[in-house]
C-alpha atoms as a PDB file:
ATOM      1  CA  MET A   1     -91.364 -98.953 101.152  1.00  0.00           C
ATOM      2  CA  GLY A   2     -88.849 -96.754 102.667  1.00  0.00           C
ATOM      3  CA  ALA A   3     -86.343 -94.888 100.790  1.00  0.00           C
ATOM      4  CA  TRP A   4     -83.550 -96.819 101.581  1.00  0.00           C
ATOM      5  CA  VAL A   5     -84.964-100.178 100.642  1.00  0.00           C
ATOM      6  CA  ASN A   6     -86.199 -98.329  97.255  1.00  0.00           C
ATOM      7  CA  GLN A   7     -82.522 -97.466  96.633  1.00  0.00           C
ATOM      8  CA  ILE A   8     -81.128-100.901  96.865  1.00  0.00           C
ATOM      9  CA  PHE A   9     -83.758-102.149  94.321  1.00  0.00           C
ATOM     10  CA  ARG A  10     -82.736 -99.217  92.380  1.00  0.00           C
ATOM     11  CA  ALA A  11     -79.085-100.348  92.187  1.00  0.00           C
ATOM     12  CA  ASP A  12     -77.640-101.592  88.759  1.00  0.00           C
ATOM     13  CA  GLN A  13     -77.405-105.252  90.037  1.00  0.00           C
ATOM     14  CA  ALA A  14     -80.874-105.498  90.886  1.00  0.00           C
ATOM     15  CA  ASN A  15     -82.213-104.288  87.915  1.00  0.00           C
ATOM     16  CA  THR A  16     -79.434-106.549  85.695  1.00  0.00           C
ATOM     17  CA  GLY A  17     -80.135-109.938  87.557  1.00  0.00           C
ATOM     18  CA  GLY A  18     -77.269-109.245  89.938  1.00  0.00           C
ATOM     19  CA  VAL A  19     -76.849-109.752  93.790  1.00  0.00           C
ATOM     20  CA  VAL A  20     -76.986-107.113  96.372  1.00  0.00           C
ATOM     21  CA  ARG A  21     -75.599-107.367  99.949  1.00  0.00           C
ATOM     22  CA  ARG A  22     -75.946-105.281 103.055  1.00  0.00           C
ATOM     23  CA  ALA A  23     -74.711-105.856 106.641  1.00  0.00           C
ATOM     24  CA  ARG A  24     -77.640-106.884 108.670  1.00  0.00           C
ATOM     25  CA  TYR A  25     -76.930-103.913 110.920  1.00  0.00           C
ATOM     26  CA  ASN A  26     -77.813-101.358 108.478  1.00  0.00           C
ATOM     27  CA  VAL A  27     -80.978-103.000 107.258  1.00  0.00           C
ATOM     28  CA  ASP A  28     -82.089-102.979 111.054  1.00  0.00           C
ATOM     29  CA  ARG A  29     -80.796 -99.535 111.197  1.00  0.00           C
ATOM     30  CA  TYR A  30     -82.325 -97.842 108.109  1.00  0.00           C
ATOM     31  CA  ALA A  31     -85.339-100.011 107.434  1.00  0.00           C
ATOM     32  CA  SER A  32     -86.366-103.545 108.800  1.00  0.00           C
ATOM     33  CA  LEU A  33     -85.813-107.121 107.391  1.00  0.00           C
ATOM     34  CA  ALA A  34     -89.311-107.605 106.954  1.00  0.00           C
ATOM     35  CA  GLU A  35     -89.653-104.441 104.972  1.00  0.00           C
ATOM     36  CA  LEU A  36     -86.813-105.717 102.643  1.00  0.00           C
ATOM     37  CA  VAL A  37     -88.325-109.189 102.568  1.00  0.00           C
ATOM     38  CA  ALA A  38     -91.305-107.989 101.376  1.00  0.00           C
ATOM     39  CA  GLU A  39     -90.079-105.930  98.449  1.00  0.00           C
ATOM     40  CA  ALA A  40     -87.727-108.682  97.391  1.00  0.00           C
ATOM     41  CA  LYS A  41     -91.243-111.065  97.708  1.00  0.00           C
ATOM     42  CA  ARG A  42     -93.207-108.355  95.627  1.00  0.00           C
ATOM     43  CA  ARG A  43     -90.584-108.731  93.322  1.00  0.00           C
ATOM     44  CA  ASN A  44     -90.007-112.830  93.321  1.00  0.00           C
ATOM     45  CA  PHE A  45     -86.121-111.889  94.496  1.00  0.00           C
ATOM     46  CA  HIS A  46     -84.491-114.219  97.002  1.00  0.00           C
ATOM     47  CA  VAL A  47     -83.173-112.903 100.260  1.00  0.00           C
ATOM     48  CA  VAL A  48     -80.440-114.845 102.319  1.00  0.00           C
ATOM     49  CA  GLU A  49     -79.244-114.130 105.444  1.00  0.00           C
ATOM     50  CA  THR A  50     -75.394-115.654 106.230  1.00  0.00           C
ATOM     51  CA  GLY A  51     -73.453-114.789 109.127  1.00  0.00           C
ATOM     52  CA  ASP A  52     -74.150-110.593 109.556  1.00  0.00           C
ATOM     53  CA  GLN A  53     -74.873-110.196 105.858  1.00  0.00           C
ATOM     54  CA  ILE A  54     -78.374-109.971 103.893  1.00  0.00           C
ATOM     55  CA  VAL A  55     -78.102-110.809 100.548  1.00  0.00           C
ATOM     56  CA  VAL A  56     -80.723-110.286  97.660  1.00  0.00           C
ATOM     57  CA  LEU A  57     -80.600-112.451  94.560  1.00  0.00           C
ATOM     58  CA  CYS A  58     -82.231-110.039  91.932  1.00  0.00           C
ATOM     59  CA  HIS A  59     -83.851-112.826  89.872  1.00  0.00           C
ATOM     60  CA  GLU A  60     -86.864-114.908  89.580  1.00  0.00           C
ATOM     61  CA  GLY A  61     -85.283-118.038  88.952  1.00  0.00           C
ATOM     62  CA  SER A  62     -85.337-121.101  91.160  1.00  0.00           C
ATOM     63  CA  LEU A  63     -82.965-121.296  94.436  1.00  0.00           C
ATOM     64  CA  VAL A  64     -81.024-124.261  95.342  1.00  0.00           C
ATOM     65  CA  ILE A  65     -78.454-124.528  97.879  1.00  0.00           C
ATOM     66  CA  HIS A  66     -75.843-127.021  97.649  1.00  0.00           C
ATOM     67  CA  CYS A  67     -73.847-127.206 100.843  1.00  0.00           C
END
């Protein structure tokens, strides 16, 4: 795992079941979406892409989208 992705998952939000959001531009610039998704998947987290944002839901619970 690259240093930038590692930094994301060391954030307080990632370690307390919160939400981490990064611009797609920065994900592509400093790592790759595939690398971010792989690490989230390893942790049983969820990754959502909406507009120009990548949102990581840092919990193992189920995911339901209501709209």
